[in-house]
PDB file of all heavy atoms in Angstrom:
ATOM      1  N   LYS A   1     118.900  88.511  99.033  1.00  0.00           N
ATOM      2  CA  LYS A   1     118.460  88.830 100.392  1.00  0.00           C
ATOM      3  C   LYS A   1     117.384  87.806 100.744  1.00  0.00           C
ATOM      4  O   LYS A   1     116.296  87.816 100.181  1.00  0.00           O
ATOM      5  CB  LYS A   1     117.875  90.244 100.461  1.00  0.00           C
ATOM      6  CG  LYS A   1     118.848  91.355 100.103  1.00  0.00           C
ATOM      7  CD  LYS A   1     119.579  91.825 101.335  1.00  0.00           C
ATOM      8  CE  LYS A   1     120.389  93.054 101.050  1.00  0.00           C
ATOM      9  NZ  LYS A   1     119.979  94.197 101.836  1.00  0.00           N
ATOM     10  N   TYR A   2     117.718  86.899 101.649  1.00  0.00           N
ATOM     11  CA  TYR A   2     116.802  85.826 102.034  1.00  0.00           C
ATOM     12  C   TYR A   2     115.764  86.325 103.032  1.00  0.00           C
ATOM     13  O   TYR A   2     116.095  87.022 103.978  1.00  0.00           O
ATOM     14  CB  TYR A   2     117.569  84.670 102.678  1.00  0.00           C
ATOM     15  CG  TYR A   2     118.425  83.903 101.716  1.00  0.00           C
ATOM     16  CD1 TYR A   2     119.693  84.353 101.364  1.00  0.00           C
ATOM     17  CD2 TYR A   2     117.967  82.721 101.156  1.00  0.00           C
ATOM     18  CE1 TYR A   2     120.480  83.636 100.484  1.00  0.00           C
ATOM     19  CE2 TYR A   2     118.757  81.992 100.270  1.00  0.00           C
ATOM     20  CZ  TYR A   2     120.010  82.462  99.947  1.00  0.00           C
ATOM     21  OH  TYR A   2     120.797  81.756  99.079  1.00  0.00           O
ATOM     22  N   ILE A   3     114.520  85.927 102.830  1.00  0.00           N
ATOM     23  CA  ILE A   3     113.458  86.257 103.781  1.00  0.00           C
ATOM     24  C   ILE A   3     113.704  85.505 105.086  1.00  0.00           C
ATOM     25  O   ILE A   3     113.598  86.071 106.167  1.00  0.00           O
ATOM     26  CB  ILE A   3     112.062  85.923 103.207  1.00  0.00           C
ATOM     27  CG1 ILE A   3     111.825  86.649 101.868  1.00  0.00           C
ATOM     28  CG2 ILE A   3     110.969  86.245 104.228  1.00  0.00           C
ATOM     29  CD1 ILE A   3     111.985  88.152 101.896  1.00  0.00           C
ATOM     30  N   LYS A   4     114.051  84.232 104.996  1.00  0.00           N
ATOM     31  CA  LYS A   4     114.416  83.433 106.174  1.00  0.00           C
ATOM     32  C   LYS A   4     115.939  83.365 106.197  1.00  0.00           C
ATOM     33  O   LYS A   4     116.557  82.637 105.421  1.00  0.00           O
ATOM     34  CB  LYS A   4     113.819  82.025 106.093  1.00  0.00           C
ATOM     35  CG  LYS A   4     112.322  82.007 106.218  1.00  0.00           C
ATOM     36  CD  LYS A   4     111.813  80.590 106.210  1.00  0.00           C
ATOM     37  CE  LYS A   4     110.316  80.541 106.388  1.00  0.00           C
ATOM     38  NZ  LYS A   4     109.823  79.156 106.367  1.00  0.00           N
ATOM     39  N   GLU A   5     116.525  84.102 107.098  1.00  0.00           N
ATOM     40  CA  GLU A   5     117.976  84.277 107.142  1.00  0.00           C
ATOM     41  C   GLU A   5     118.745  82.954 107.196  1.00  0.00           C
ATOM     42  O   GLU A   5     119.802  82.821 106.585  1.00  0.00           O
ATOM     43  CB  GLU A   5     118.322  85.146 108.350  1.00  0.00           C
ATOM     44  CG  GLU A   5     119.758  85.559 108.420  1.00  0.00           C
ATOM     45  CD  GLU A   5     120.025  86.485 109.583  1.00  0.00           C
ATOM     46  OE1 GLU A   5     119.440  86.308 110.674  1.00  0.00           O
ATOM     47  OE2 GLU A   5     120.839  87.398 109.395  1.00  0.00           O
ATOM     48  N   GLU A   6     118.201  81.970 107.886  1.00  0.00           N
ATOM     49  CA  GLU A   6     118.915  80.688 108.017  1.00  0.00           C
ATOM     50  C   GLU A   6     119.086  79.975 106.678  1.00  0.00           C
ATOM     51  O   GLU A   6     119.944  79.110 106.520  1.00  0.00           O
ATOM     52  CB  GLU A   6     118.215  79.771 109.031  1.00  0.00           C
ATOM     53  CG  GLU A   6     116.846  79.281 108.615  1.00  0.00           C
ATOM     54  CD  GLU A   6     115.701  80.234 108.963  1.00  0.00           C
ATOM     55  OE1 GLU A   6     115.941  81.352 109.437  1.00  0.00           O
ATOM     56  OE2 GLU A   6     114.545  79.826 108.745  1.00  0.00           O
ATOM     57  N   GLN A   7     118.286  80.340 105.674  1.00  0.00           N
ATOM     58  CA  GLN A   7     118.402  79.685 104.374  1.00  0.00           C
ATOM     59  C   GLN A   7     119.667  80.085 103.628  1.00  0.00           C
ATOM     60  O   GLN A   7     119.972  79.503 102.599  1.00  0.00           O
ATOM     61  CB  GLN A   7     117.155  79.940 103.529  1.00  0.00           C
ATOM     62  CG  GLN A   7     115.948  79.178 104.047  1.00  0.00           C
ATOM     63  CD  GLN A   7     114.738  79.300 103.154  1.00  0.00           C
ATOM     64  OE1 GLN A   7     114.579  80.260 102.407  1.00  0.00           O
ATOM     65  NE2 GLN A   7     113.870  78.312 103.234  1.00  0.00           N
ATOM     66  N   VAL A   8     120.387  81.048 104.160  1.00  0.00           N
ATOM     67  CA  VAL A   8     121.706  81.367 103.604  1.00  0.00           C
ATOM     68  C   VAL A   8     122.594  80.133 103.688  1.00  0.00           C
ATOM     69  O   VAL A   8     123.406  79.873 102.807  1.00  0.00           O
ATOM     70  CB  VAL A   8     122.349  82.550 104.364  1.00  0.00           C
ATOM     71  CG1 VAL A   8     123.794  82.750 103.951  1.00  0.00           C
ATOM     72  CG2 VAL A   8     121.549  83.813 104.156  1.00  0.00           C
ATOM     73  N   VAL A   9     122.394  79.334 104.737  1.00  0.00           N
ATOM     74  CA  VAL A   9     123.225  78.149 104.961  1.00  0.00           C
ATOM     75  C   VAL A   9     122.426  76.859 104.884  1.00  0.00           C
ATOM     76  O   VAL A   9     122.875  75.874 104.316  1.00  0.00           O
ATOM     77  CB  VAL A   9     123.926  78.227 106.339  1.00  0.00           C
ATOM     78  CG1 VAL A   9     124.787  76.994 106.576  1.00  0.00           C
ATOM     79  CG2 VAL A   9     124.751  79.490 106.441  1.00  0.00           C
ATOM     80  N   TYR A  10     121.232  76.850 105.468  1.00  0.00           N
ATOM     81  CA  TYR A  10     120.458  75.619 105.600  1.00  0.00           C
ATOM     82  C   TYR A  10     119.194  75.656 104.761  1.00  0.00           C
ATOM     83  O   TYR A  10     118.433  76.611 104.825  1.00  0.00           O
ATOM     84  CB  TYR A  10     120.075  75.380 107.066  1.00  0.00           C
ATOM     85  CG  TYR A  10     121.264  75.325 107.976  1.00  0.00           C
ATOM     86  CD1 TYR A  10     121.569  76.392 108.808  1.00  0.00           C
ATOM     87  CD2 TYR A  10     122.099  74.215 107.979  1.00  0.00           C
ATOM     88  CE1 TYR A  10     122.678  76.354 109.635  1.00  0.00           C
ATOM     89  CE2 TYR A  10     123.209  74.168 108.810  1.00  0.00           C
ATOM     90  CZ  TYR A  10     123.488  75.243 109.632  1.00  0.00           C
ATOM     91  OH  TYR A  10     124.584  75.199 110.437  1.00  0.00           O
ATOM     92  N   ARG A  11     118.959  74.607 103.993  1.00  0.00           N
ATOM     93  CA  ARG A  11     117.739  74.475 103.203  1.00  0.00           C
ATOM     94  C   ARG A  11     116.855  73.434 103.880  1.00  0.00           C
ATOM     95  O   ARG A  11     116.943  72.258 103.585  1.00  0.00           O
ATOM     96  CB  ARG A  11     118.055  74.012 101.773  1.00  0.00           C
ATOM     97  CG  ARG A  11     119.062  74.837 101.044  1.00  0.00           C
ATOM     98  CD  ARG A  11     118.420  76.072 100.441  1.00  0.00           C
ATOM     99  NE  ARG A  11     119.258  76.683  99.430  1.00  0.00           N
ATOM    100  CZ  ARG A  11     120.184  77.588  99.676  1.00  0.00           C
ATOM    101  NH1 ARG A  11     120.433  77.956 100.895  1.00  0.00           N
ATOM    102  NH2 ARG A  11     120.885  78.116  98.696  1.00  0.00           N
ATOM    103  N   THR A  12     116.047  73.870 104.820  1.00  0.00           N
ATOM    104  CA  THR A  12     115.201  72.938 105.562  1.00  0.00           C
ATOM    105  C   THR A  12     113.737  73.045 105.168  1.00  0.00           C
ATOM    106  O   THR A  12     112.960  72.146 105.420  1.00  0.00           O
ATOM    107  CB  THR A  12     115.317  73.192 107.075  1.00  0.00           C
ATOM    108  OG1 THR A  12     114.967  74.550 107.328  1.00  0.00           O
ATOM    109  CG2 THR A  12     116.732  72.930 107.558  1.00  0.00           C
ATOM    110  N   ASP A  13     113.376  74.153 104.577  1.00  0.00           N
ATOM    111  CA  ASP A  13     112.000  74.422 104.215  1.00  0.00           C
ATOM    112  C   ASP A  13     111.825  74.103 102.734  1.00  0.00           C
ATOM    113  O   ASP A  13     112.713  74.385 101.928  1.00  0.00           O
ATOM    114  CB  ASP A  13     111.708  75.903 104.475  1.00  0.00           C
ATOM    115  CG  ASP A  13     110.237  76.241 104.459  1.00  0.00           C
ATOM    116  OD1 ASP A  13     109.442  75.429 103.948  1.00  0.00           O
ATOM    117  OD2 ASP A  13     109.879  77.328 104.940  1.00  0.00           O
ATOM    118  N   GLN A  14     110.699  73.532 102.353  1.00  0.00           N
ATOM    119  CA  GLN A  14     110.454  73.216 100.950  1.00  0.00           C
ATOM    120  C   GLN A  14     110.035  74.455 100.169  1.00  0.00           C
ATOM    121  O   GLN A  14     109.594  74.345  99.034  1.00  0.00           O
ATOM    122  CB  GLN A  14     109.417  72.104 100.836  1.00  0.00           C
ATOM    123  CG  GLN A  14     109.991  70.773 101.270  1.00  0.00           C
ATOM    124  CD  GLN A  14     109.019  69.630 101.111  1.00  0.00           C
ATOM    125  OE1 GLN A  14     108.912  68.829 102.004  1.00  0.00           O
ATOM    126  NE2 GLN A  14     108.313  69.546 100.009  1.00  0.00           N
ATOM    127  N   ARG A  15     110.230  75.594 100.764  1.00  0.00           N
ATOM    128  CA  ARG A  15     109.939  76.855 100.096  1.00  0.00           C
ATOM    129  C   ARG A  15     111.101  77.808 100.370  1.00  0.00           C
ATOM    130  O   ARG A  15     111.556  77.922 101.491  1.00  0.00           O
ATOM    131  CB  ARG A  15     108.649  77.441 100.637  1.00  0.00           C
ATOM    132  CG  ARG A  15     108.264  78.738  99.972  1.00  0.00           C
ATOM    133  CD  ARG A  15     106.929  79.212 100.494  1.00  0.00           C
ATOM    134  NE  ARG A  15     106.456  80.330  99.698  1.00  0.00           N
ATOM    135  CZ  ARG A  15     105.270  80.854  99.834  1.00  0.00           C
ATOM    136  NH1 ARG A  15     104.427  80.371 100.731  1.00  0.00           N
ATOM    137  NH2 ARG A  15     104.910  81.868  99.072  1.00  0.00           N
ATOM    138  N   GLN A  16     111.547  78.460  99.324  1.00  0.00           N
ATOM    139  CA  GLN A  16     112.577  79.479  99.463  1.00  0.00           C
ATOM    140  C   GLN A  16     112.043  80.783  98.879  1.00  0.00           C
ATOM    141  O   GLN A  16     111.531  80.793  97.763  1.00  0.00           O
ATOM    142  CB  GLN A  16     113.851  79.076  98.727  1.00  0.00           C
ATOM    143  CG  GLN A  16     114.554  77.902  99.371  1.00  0.00           C
ATOM    144  CD  GLN A  16     115.902  77.678  98.745  1.00  0.00           C
ATOM    145  OE1 GLN A  16     116.854  78.368  99.058  1.00  0.00           O
ATOM    146  NE2 GLN A  16     115.973  76.711  97.851  1.00  0.00           N
ATOM    147  N   THR A  17     112.167  81.836  99.643  1.00  0.00           N
ATOM    148  CA  THR A  17     111.725  83.153  99.201  1.00  0.00           C
ATOM    149  C   THR A  17     112.874  84.117  99.436  1.00  0.00           C
ATOM    150  O   THR A  17     113.389  84.206 100.546  1.00  0.00           O
ATOM    151  CB  THR A  17     110.483  83.604  99.983  1.00  0.00           C
ATOM    152  OG1 THR A  17     109.475  82.590  99.903  1.00  0.00           O
ATOM    153  CG2 THR A  17     109.924  84.896  99.423  1.00  0.00           C
ATOM    154  N   LEU A  18     113.270  84.795  98.389  1.00  0.00           N
ATOM    155  CA  LEU A  18     114.352  85.746  98.502  1.00  0.00           C
ATOM    156  C   LEU A  18     114.235  86.829  97.447  1.00  0.00           C
ATOM    157  O   LEU A  18     113.540  86.659  96.440  1.00  0.00           O
ATOM    158  CB  LEU A  18     115.712  85.051  98.401  1.00  0.00           C
ATOM    159  CG  LEU A  18     116.036  84.266  97.141  1.00  0.00           C
ATOM    160  CD1 LEU A  18     117.531  84.290  96.914  1.00  0.00           C
ATOM    161  CD2 LEU A  18     115.588  82.824  97.276  1.00  0.00           C
ATOM    162  N   TRP A  19     114.887  87.941  97.715  1.00  0.00           N
ATOM    163  CA  TRP A  19     114.983  89.014  96.746  1.00  0.00           C
ATOM    164  C   TRP A  19     116.261  88.801  95.945  1.00  0.00           C
ATOM    165  O   TRP A  19     117.287  88.417  96.501  1.00  0.00           O
ATOM    166  CB  TRP A  19     115.059  90.368  97.462  1.00  0.00           C
ATOM    167  CG  TRP A  19     113.785  90.777  98.132  1.00  0.00           C
ATOM    168  CD1 TRP A  19     113.454  90.608  99.446  1.00  0.00           C
ATOM    169  CD2 TRP A  19     112.681  91.448  97.524  1.00  0.00           C
ATOM    170  NE1 TRP A  19     112.197  91.128  99.688  1.00  0.00           N
ATOM    171  CE2 TRP A  19     111.712  91.650  98.523  1.00  0.00           C
ATOM    172  CE3 TRP A  19     112.411  91.892  96.233  1.00  0.00           C
ATOM    173  CZ2 TRP A  19     110.495  92.286  98.271  1.00  0.00           C
ATOM    174  CZ3 TRP A  19     111.205  92.530  95.981  1.00  0.00           C
ATOM    175  CH2 TRP A  19     110.269  92.712  96.993  1.00  0.00           C
ATOM    176  N   LEU A  20     116.197  89.057  94.645  1.00  0.00           N
ATOM    177  CA  LEU A  20     117.345  88.866  93.754  1.00  0.00           C
ATOM    178  C   LEU A  20     117.515  90.055  92.823  1.00  0.00           C
ATOM    179  O   LEU A  20     116.540  90.689  92.426  1.00  0.00           O
ATOM    180  CB  LEU A  20     117.123  87.644  92.846  1.00  0.00           C
ATOM    181  CG  LEU A  20     117.002  86.263  93.432  1.00  0.00           C
ATOM    182  CD1 LEU A  20     116.602  85.275  92.337  1.00  0.00           C
ATOM    183  CD2 LEU A  20     118.296  85.838  94.056  1.00  0.00           C
ATOM    184  N   LYS A  21     118.762  90.301  92.456  1.00  0.00           N
ATOM    185  CA  LYS A  21     119.083  91.208  91.357  1.00  0.00           C
ATOM    186  C   LYS A  21     120.533  90.972  90.983  1.00  0.00           C
ATOM    187  O   LYS A  21     121.304  90.412  91.770  1.00  0.00           O
ATOM    188  CB  LYS A  21     118.845  92.673  91.728  1.00  0.00           C
ATOM    189  CG  LYS A  21     119.800  93.245  92.747  1.00  0.00           C
ATOM    190  CD  LYS A  21     119.512  94.720  92.961  1.00  0.00           C
ATOM    191  CE  LYS A  21     120.489  95.318  93.956  1.00  0.00           C
ATOM    192  NZ  LYS A  21     120.321  96.766  94.058  1.00  0.00           N
ATOM    193  N   VAL A  22     120.911  91.347  89.776  1.00  0.00           N
ATOM    194  CA  VAL A  22     122.308  91.193  89.379  1.00  0.00           C
ATOM    195  C   VAL A  22     123.143  92.215  90.141  1.00  0.00           C
ATOM    196  O   VAL A  22     122.649  93.267  90.551  1.00  0.00           O
ATOM    197  CB  VAL A  22     122.525  91.344  87.852  1.00  0.00           C
ATOM    198  CG1 VAL A  22     121.794  90.263  87.090  1.00  0.00           C
ATOM    199  CG2 VAL A  22     122.151  92.720  87.371  1.00  0.00           C
ATOM    200  N   LYS A  23     124.422  91.884  90.334  1.00  0.00           N
ATOM    201  CA  LYS A  23     125.325  92.828  90.972  1.00  0.00           C
ATOM    202  C   LYS A  23     125.574  93.990  90.023  1.00  0.00           C
ATOM    203  O   LYS A  23     125.767  93.798  88.833  1.00  0.00           O
ATOM    204  CB  LYS A  23     126.646  92.156  91.319  1.00  0.00           C
ATOM    205  CG  LYS A  23     126.561  91.204  92.482  1.00  0.00           C
ATOM    206  CD  LYS A  23     127.903  90.595  92.803  1.00  0.00           C
ATOM    207  CE  LYS A  23     127.784  89.642  93.990  1.00  0.00           C
ATOM    208  NZ  LYS A  23     129.027  88.915  94.244  1.00  0.00           N
ATOM    209  N   GLY A  24     125.570  95.171  90.555  1.00  0.00           N
ATOM    210  CA  GLY A  24     125.864  96.347  89.753  1.00  0.00           C
ATOM    211  C   GLY A  24     124.676  96.815  88.938  1.00  0.00           C
ATOM    212  O   GLY A  24     123.529  96.456  89.192  1.00  0.00           O
TER     213      GLY A  24
END
């Protein structure tokens, strides 16, 4: 789950922040 939704497709910021967990 990306904090900045556009980072799903575009990596324009030198910082990426997202929530992660394994499936299931």
